[in-house]
Amino acid sequence: LYFSAQEGILFFYHIKGLQYEMKICAHILQPISSLIFSPDYTVLLLVTDQGTVYTYKPALNGEAVKLLDACSSCFLAADFLTPGNKYCVSVTISGEAQVWFLEDGTCLSKLNLDIEVHV
């Protein structure tokens, strides 16, 4: 079970029967608004309240890596494009949808929806 706290900490609870073990996986210093697993569960997207997107790979037990940083408009949401886990799509508050290559954060495509987006 993965979950986040307001302080920007990603936690992992390993639950087996009535026993559990808690581990801090990453600390990104920004409140995390959503967690999204890739379809094959190898990559976890972390979207912050400030509009930054991080990737975390549970099998590597490393740090979260900043993938996308909010520029003129905050990222409101992000998700994986399926099948696979090579690309993600994001949408900004200003209504810009973008497709990203997850390996290096390259923006591959943009589409302006000409509408403000709300959750």
N, C-alpha and C. Protein backbone atom coordinates (compact mmCIF):
# COMPACT_ATOMS: atom_id res chain seq x y z
N LEU A 1 0.85 -1.17 0.00
CA LEU A 1 0.00 0.00 0.00
C LEU A 1 0.89 1.23 0.00
N TYR A 2 0.76 2.09 -1.02
CA TYR A 2 1.47 3.36 -1.08
C TYR A 2 0.50 4.48 -0.74
N PHE A 3 0.96 5.46 0.02
CA PHE A 3 0.15 6.65 0.26
C PHE A 3 1.07 7.82 0.56
N SER A 4 0.52 9.01 0.52
CA SER A 4 1.32 10.21 0.75
C SER A 4 0.73 11.02 1.89
N ALA A 5 1.60 11.84 2.47
CA ALA A 5 1.21 12.73 3.56
C ALA A 5 1.29 14.17 3.05
N GLN A 6 0.67 15.08 3.76
CA GLN A 6 0.68 16.49 3.37
C GLN A 6 2.09 17.06 3.27
N GLU A 7 3.03 16.51 3.98
CA GLU A 7 4.40 17.02 4.00
C GLU A 7 5.19 16.60 2.76
N GLY A 8 4.58 15.91 1.82
CA GLY A 8 5.28 15.48 0.61
C GLY A 8 6.08 14.20 0.80
N ILE A 9 5.65 13.36 1.70
CA ILE A 9 6.33 12.10 1.97
C ILE A 9 5.53 10.96 1.35
N LEU A 10 6.24 10.10 0.60
CA LEU A 10 5.62 8.90 0.03
C LEU A 10 5.93 7.73 0.96
N PHE A 11 4.88 7.09 1.47
CA PHE A 11 5.02 5.97 2.39
C PHE A 11 4.65 4.66 1.70
N PHE A 12 5.22 3.58 2.17
CA PHE A 12 4.87 2.23 1.72
C PHE A 12 4.56 1.41 2.96
N TYR A 13 3.39 0.80 2.98
CA TYR A 13 3.02 -0.14 4.04
C TYR A 13 3.02 -1.54 3.45
N HIS A 14 3.87 -2.41 4.00
CA HIS A 14 3.87 -3.82 3.62
C HIS A 14 2.99 -4.52 4.66
N ILE A 15 1.86 -5.06 4.22
CA ILE A 15 0.89 -5.68 5.12
C ILE A 15 0.86 -7.17 4.85
N LYS A 16 1.05 -7.96 5.89
CA LYS A 16 0.99 -9.42 5.78
C LYS A 16 0.25 -9.94 7.01
N GLY A 17 -0.96 -10.42 6.77
CA GLY A 17 -1.78 -10.89 7.89
C GLY A 17 -2.11 -9.72 8.81
N LEU A 18 -1.80 -9.87 10.09
CA LEU A 18 -2.04 -8.81 11.07
C LEU A 18 -0.79 -7.97 11.31
N GLN A 19 0.28 -8.26 10.61
CA GLN A 19 1.55 -7.54 10.76
C GLN A 19 1.72 -6.53 9.63
N TYR A 20 2.38 -5.43 9.93
CA TYR A 20 2.69 -4.46 8.88
C TYR A 20 4.03 -3.79 9.18
N GLU A 21 4.63 -3.31 8.13
CA GLU A 21 5.89 -2.59 8.23
C GLU A 21 5.76 -1.32 7.40
N MET A 22 6.13 -0.18 7.99
CA MET A 22 6.05 1.09 7.28
C MET A 22 7.44 1.54 6.85
N LYS A 23 7.53 2.07 5.62
CA LYS A 23 8.79 2.55 5.09
C LYS A 23 8.56 3.89 4.40
N ILE A 24 9.47 4.84 4.61
CA ILE A 24 9.42 6.10 3.87
C ILE A 24 10.18 5.88 2.58
N CYS A 25 9.51 6.09 1.45
CA CYS A 25 10.13 5.85 0.13
C CYS A 25 10.77 7.10 -0.45
N ALA A 26 10.10 8.22 -0.31
CA ALA A 26 10.60 9.46 -0.90
C ALA A 26 10.05 10.65 -0.13
N HIS A 27 10.82 11.72 -0.12
CA HIS A 27 10.41 12.97 0.51
C HIS A 27 10.67 14.08 -0.51
N ILE A 28 9.60 14.66 -1.05
CA ILE A 28 9.78 15.62 -2.14
C ILE A 28 9.50 17.07 -1.75
N LEU A 29 9.20 17.33 -0.50
CA LEU A 29 9.05 18.68 0.03
C LEU A 29 7.88 19.48 -0.54
N GLN A 30 6.97 18.82 -1.24
CA GLN A 30 5.74 19.45 -1.73
C GLN A 30 4.58 18.51 -1.46
N PRO A 31 3.44 19.02 -1.03
CA PRO A 31 2.29 18.14 -0.81
C PRO A 31 1.92 17.39 -2.09
N ILE A 32 1.69 16.10 -1.97
CA ILE A 32 1.35 15.24 -3.11
C ILE A 32 -0.17 15.19 -3.25
N SER A 33 -0.66 15.53 -4.45
CA SER A 33 -2.11 15.55 -4.65
C SER A 33 -2.64 14.24 -5.24
N SER A 34 -1.79 13.53 -6.01
CA SER A 34 -2.26 12.25 -6.54
C SER A 34 -1.09 11.31 -6.84
N LEU A 35 -1.40 10.01 -6.76
CA LEU A 35 -0.47 8.93 -7.06
C LEU A 35 -1.10 8.08 -8.15
N ILE A 36 -0.34 7.78 -9.21
CA ILE A 36 -0.88 6.98 -10.31
C ILE A 36 0.15 5.94 -10.70
N PHE A 37 -0.22 4.65 -10.63
CA PHE A 37 0.68 3.58 -11.05
C PHE A 37 0.58 3.36 -12.55
N SER A 38 1.72 2.99 -13.15
CA SER A 38 1.72 2.58 -14.55
C SER A 38 0.95 1.27 -14.67
N PRO A 39 0.49 0.93 -15.87
CA PRO A 39 -0.30 -0.30 -16.04
C PRO A 39 0.43 -1.56 -15.57
N ASP A 40 1.76 -1.59 -15.66
CA ASP A 40 2.51 -2.77 -15.21
C ASP A 40 3.06 -2.60 -13.79
N TYR A 41 2.67 -1.55 -13.11
CA TYR A 41 3.05 -1.28 -11.72
C TYR A 41 4.55 -1.13 -11.49
N THR A 42 5.30 -0.68 -12.50
CA THR A 42 6.74 -0.48 -12.33
C THR A 42 7.10 0.97 -12.05
N VAL A 43 6.20 1.90 -12.38
CA VAL A 43 6.47 3.32 -12.19
C VAL A 43 5.25 3.96 -11.51
N LEU A 44 5.54 4.85 -10.58
CA LEU A 44 4.49 5.58 -9.88
C LEU A 44 4.67 7.06 -10.19
N LEU A 45 3.63 7.70 -10.71
CA LEU A 45 3.64 9.15 -10.93
C LEU A 45 3.15 9.83 -9.67
N LEU A 46 3.86 10.86 -9.23
CA LEU A 46 3.47 11.66 -8.08
C LEU A 46 3.20 13.07 -8.59
N VAL A 47 1.99 13.56 -8.44
CA VAL A 47 1.64 14.91 -8.85
C VAL A 47 1.47 15.74 -7.59
N THR A 48 2.15 16.90 -7.53
CA THR A 48 2.10 17.73 -6.33
C THR A 48 1.05 18.82 -6.45
N ASP A 49 0.70 19.40 -5.30
CA ASP A 49 -0.24 20.52 -5.28
C ASP A 49 0.30 21.73 -6.04
N GLN A 50 1.61 21.83 -6.17
CA GLN A 50 2.24 22.97 -6.85
C GLN A 50 2.42 22.71 -8.35
N GLY A 51 1.98 21.54 -8.82
CA GLY A 51 1.99 21.26 -10.24
C GLY A 51 3.24 20.60 -10.76
N THR A 52 4.04 20.00 -9.92
CA THR A 52 5.23 19.28 -10.35
C THR A 52 4.92 17.79 -10.41
N VAL A 53 5.49 17.10 -11.40
CA VAL A 53 5.27 15.66 -11.55
C VAL A 53 6.60 14.94 -11.34
N TYR A 54 6.59 13.94 -10.48
CA TYR A 54 7.75 13.11 -10.18
C TYR A 54 7.46 11.67 -10.59
N THR A 55 8.53 10.91 -10.86
CA THR A 55 8.39 9.46 -11.05
C THR A 55 9.12 8.76 -9.92
N TYR A 56 8.57 7.64 -9.51
CA TYR A 56 9.20 6.80 -8.49
C TYR A 56 9.11 5.36 -8.96
N LYS A 57 10.25 4.66 -8.93
CA LYS A 57 10.27 3.26 -9.35
C LYS A 57 10.45 2.38 -8.11
N PRO A 58 9.36 1.75 -7.64
CA PRO A 58 9.41 0.96 -6.40
C PRO A 58 10.48 -0.13 -6.40
N ALA A 59 10.73 -0.78 -7.51
CA ALA A 59 11.69 -1.88 -7.55
C ALA A 59 13.12 -1.39 -7.32
N LEU A 60 13.39 -0.13 -7.61
CA LEU A 60 14.74 0.41 -7.46
C LEU A 60 14.99 1.01 -6.08
N ASN A 61 13.92 1.24 -5.31
CA ASN A 61 14.03 1.81 -3.97
C ASN A 61 14.87 3.07 -3.93
N GLY A 62 14.81 3.86 -5.00
CA GLY A 62 15.57 5.10 -5.07
C GLY A 62 14.71 6.29 -4.69
N GLU A 63 15.19 7.45 -5.03
CA GLU A 63 14.46 8.68 -4.78
C GLU A 63 13.47 8.95 -5.91
N ALA A 64 12.51 9.78 -5.63
CA ALA A 64 11.60 10.25 -6.67
C ALA A 64 12.38 11.22 -7.56
N VAL A 65 12.14 11.13 -8.86
CA VAL A 65 12.85 11.96 -9.83
C VAL A 65 11.88 12.96 -10.43
N LYS A 66 12.26 14.25 -10.40
CA LYS A 66 11.40 15.28 -10.97
C LYS A 66 11.35 15.10 -12.47
N LEU A 67 10.16 14.94 -13.00
CA LEU A 67 9.97 14.74 -14.43
C LEU A 67 9.52 16.04 -15.10
N LEU A 68 8.50 16.66 -14.55
CA LEU A 68 7.92 17.86 -15.12
C LEU A 68 7.78 18.90 -14.03
N ASP A 69 8.11 20.14 -14.37
CA ASP A 69 8.00 21.22 -13.40
C ASP A 69 7.01 22.25 -13.94
N ALA A 70 6.17 22.73 -13.05
CA ALA A 70 5.18 23.73 -13.46
C ALA A 70 5.89 24.98 -13.94
N CYS A 71 5.44 25.49 -15.05
CA CYS A 71 6.03 26.70 -15.60
C CYS A 71 5.01 27.83 -15.46
N SER A 72 4.35 28.17 -16.54
CA SER A 72 3.39 29.26 -16.49
C SER A 72 2.04 28.80 -15.93
N SER A 73 1.79 27.51 -15.95
CA SER A 73 0.51 26.99 -15.48
C SER A 73 0.75 25.65 -14.79
N CYS A 74 0.12 25.45 -13.66
CA CYS A 74 0.33 24.23 -12.88
C CYS A 74 -0.32 23.02 -13.55
N PHE A 75 0.37 21.88 -13.46
CA PHE A 75 -0.22 20.63 -13.90
C PHE A 75 -1.31 20.27 -12.92
N LEU A 76 -2.48 20.01 -13.44
CA LEU A 76 -3.62 19.67 -12.60
C LEU A 76 -3.71 18.18 -12.40
N ALA A 77 -3.38 17.42 -13.44
CA ALA A 77 -3.45 15.96 -13.37
C ALA A 77 -2.52 15.36 -14.40
N ALA A 78 -2.14 14.11 -14.15
CA ALA A 78 -1.30 13.36 -15.09
C ALA A 78 -1.70 11.90 -15.00
N ASP A 79 -1.48 11.18 -16.09
CA ASP A 79 -1.76 9.75 -16.11
C ASP A 79 -0.94 9.12 -17.22
N PHE A 80 -0.80 7.81 -17.16
CA PHE A 80 -0.05 7.07 -18.17
C PHE A 80 -0.90 6.88 -19.42
N LEU A 81 -0.24 6.89 -20.58
CA LEU A 81 -0.89 6.50 -21.82
C LEU A 81 -0.64 5.02 -22.00
N THR A 82 -1.68 4.26 -22.19
CA THR A 82 -1.53 2.81 -22.30
C THR A 82 -1.70 2.38 -23.74
N PRO A 83 -1.18 1.25 -24.15
CA PRO A 83 -0.47 0.28 -23.30
C PRO A 83 0.96 0.74 -23.02
N GLY A 84 1.55 0.15 -22.01
CA GLY A 84 2.92 0.45 -21.65
C GLY A 84 3.05 1.56 -20.63
N ASN A 85 4.29 1.95 -20.38
CA ASN A 85 4.54 3.00 -19.40
C ASN A 85 5.65 3.93 -19.87
N LYS A 86 5.72 4.18 -21.18
CA LYS A 86 6.74 5.06 -21.73
C LYS A 86 6.28 6.51 -21.82
N TYR A 87 4.96 6.73 -21.83
CA TYR A 87 4.43 8.06 -22.05
C TYR A 87 3.37 8.40 -21.00
N CYS A 88 3.26 9.69 -20.71
CA CYS A 88 2.16 10.13 -19.86
C CYS A 88 1.53 11.35 -20.50
N VAL A 89 0.32 11.65 -20.07
CA VAL A 89 -0.39 12.83 -20.53
C VAL A 89 -0.69 13.67 -19.30
N SER A 90 -0.59 14.98 -19.47
CA SER A 90 -0.90 15.88 -18.37
C SER A 90 -1.84 16.96 -18.88
N VAL A 91 -2.52 17.61 -17.95
CA VAL A 91 -3.36 18.75 -18.30
C VAL A 91 -3.08 19.84 -17.28
N THR A 92 -3.01 21.07 -17.76
CA THR A 92 -2.76 22.20 -16.88
C THR A 92 -4.06 22.90 -16.54
N ILE A 93 -4.03 23.73 -15.54
CA ILE A 93 -5.21 24.49 -15.14
C ILE A 93 -5.70 25.36 -16.29
N SER A 94 -4.76 25.88 -17.09
CA SER A 94 -5.14 26.75 -18.21
C SER A 94 -5.72 25.98 -19.40
N GLY A 95 -5.73 24.63 -19.35
CA GLY A 95 -6.36 23.84 -20.38
C GLY A 95 -5.43 23.32 -21.46
N GLU A 96 -4.15 23.22 -21.16
CA GLU A 96 -3.21 22.67 -22.13
C GLU A 96 -2.95 21.19 -21.81
N ALA A 97 -3.26 20.32 -22.77
CA ALA A 97 -2.98 18.89 -22.63
C ALA A 97 -1.64 18.62 -23.31
N GLN A 98 -0.79 17.82 -22.65
CA GLN A 98 0.55 17.54 -23.16
C GLN A 98 0.86 16.06 -23.04
N VAL A 99 1.61 15.55 -24.00
CA VAL A 99 2.09 14.17 -23.96
C VAL A 99 3.60 14.23 -23.72
N TRP A 100 4.07 13.41 -22.75
CA TRP A 100 5.47 13.43 -22.32
C TRP A 100 6.12 12.06 -22.47
N PHE A 101 7.40 12.08 -22.81
CA PHE A 101 8.21 10.85 -22.83
C PHE A 101 8.81 10.72 -21.43
N LEU A 102 8.51 9.62 -20.73
CA LEU A 102 8.88 9.49 -19.33
C LEU A 102 10.38 9.30 -19.09
N GLU A 103 11.12 8.82 -20.07
CA GLU A 103 12.55 8.60 -19.87
C GLU A 103 13.29 9.88 -19.52
N ASP A 104 12.97 10.96 -20.24
CA ASP A 104 13.73 12.20 -20.03
C ASP A 104 12.86 13.44 -19.87
N GLY A 105 11.54 13.29 -19.84
CA GLY A 105 10.65 14.42 -19.64
C GLY A 105 10.45 15.28 -20.88
N THR A 106 10.75 14.75 -22.05
CA THR A 106 10.56 15.49 -23.30
C THR A 106 9.07 15.64 -23.61
N CYS A 107 8.66 16.86 -23.90
CA CYS A 107 7.28 17.10 -24.31
C CYS A 107 7.17 16.74 -25.79
N LEU A 108 6.31 15.78 -26.11
CA LEU A 108 6.16 15.30 -27.49
C LEU A 108 5.04 15.99 -28.24
N SER A 109 4.02 16.45 -27.52
CA SER A 109 2.87 17.03 -28.18
C SER A 109 2.09 17.90 -27.20
N LYS A 110 1.45 18.95 -27.72
CA LYS A 110 0.62 19.84 -26.91
C LYS A 110 -0.68 20.11 -27.64
N LEU A 111 -1.72 20.29 -26.87
CA LEU A 111 -3.01 20.66 -27.44
C LEU A 111 -3.67 21.63 -26.46
N ASN A 112 -3.98 22.83 -26.94
CA ASN A 112 -4.65 23.81 -26.10
C ASN A 112 -6.16 23.59 -26.22
N LEU A 113 -6.81 23.31 -25.10
CA LEU A 113 -8.24 23.03 -25.09
C LEU A 113 -9.09 24.30 -25.07
N ASP A 114 -8.44 25.46 -24.91
CA ASP A 114 -9.11 26.77 -24.87
C ASP A 114 -10.20 26.83 -23.81
N ILE A 115 -9.94 26.20 -22.67
CA ILE A 115 -10.90 26.22 -21.56
C ILE A 115 -10.12 25.99 -20.27
N GLU A 116 -10.52 26.65 -19.21
CA GLU A 116 -9.89 26.44 -17.91
C GLU A 116 -10.38 25.11 -17.34
N VAL A 117 -9.47 24.32 -16.78
CA VAL A 117 -9.78 22.98 -16.30
C VAL A 117 -9.87 22.97 -14.77
N HIS A 118 -10.84 22.27 -14.23
CA HIS A 118 -11.03 22.12 -12.78
C HIS A 118 -11.23 20.65 -12.45
N VAL A 119 -10.87 20.29 -11.24
CA VAL A 119 -11.09 18.92 -10.79
C VAL A 119 -12.41 18.83 -10.08
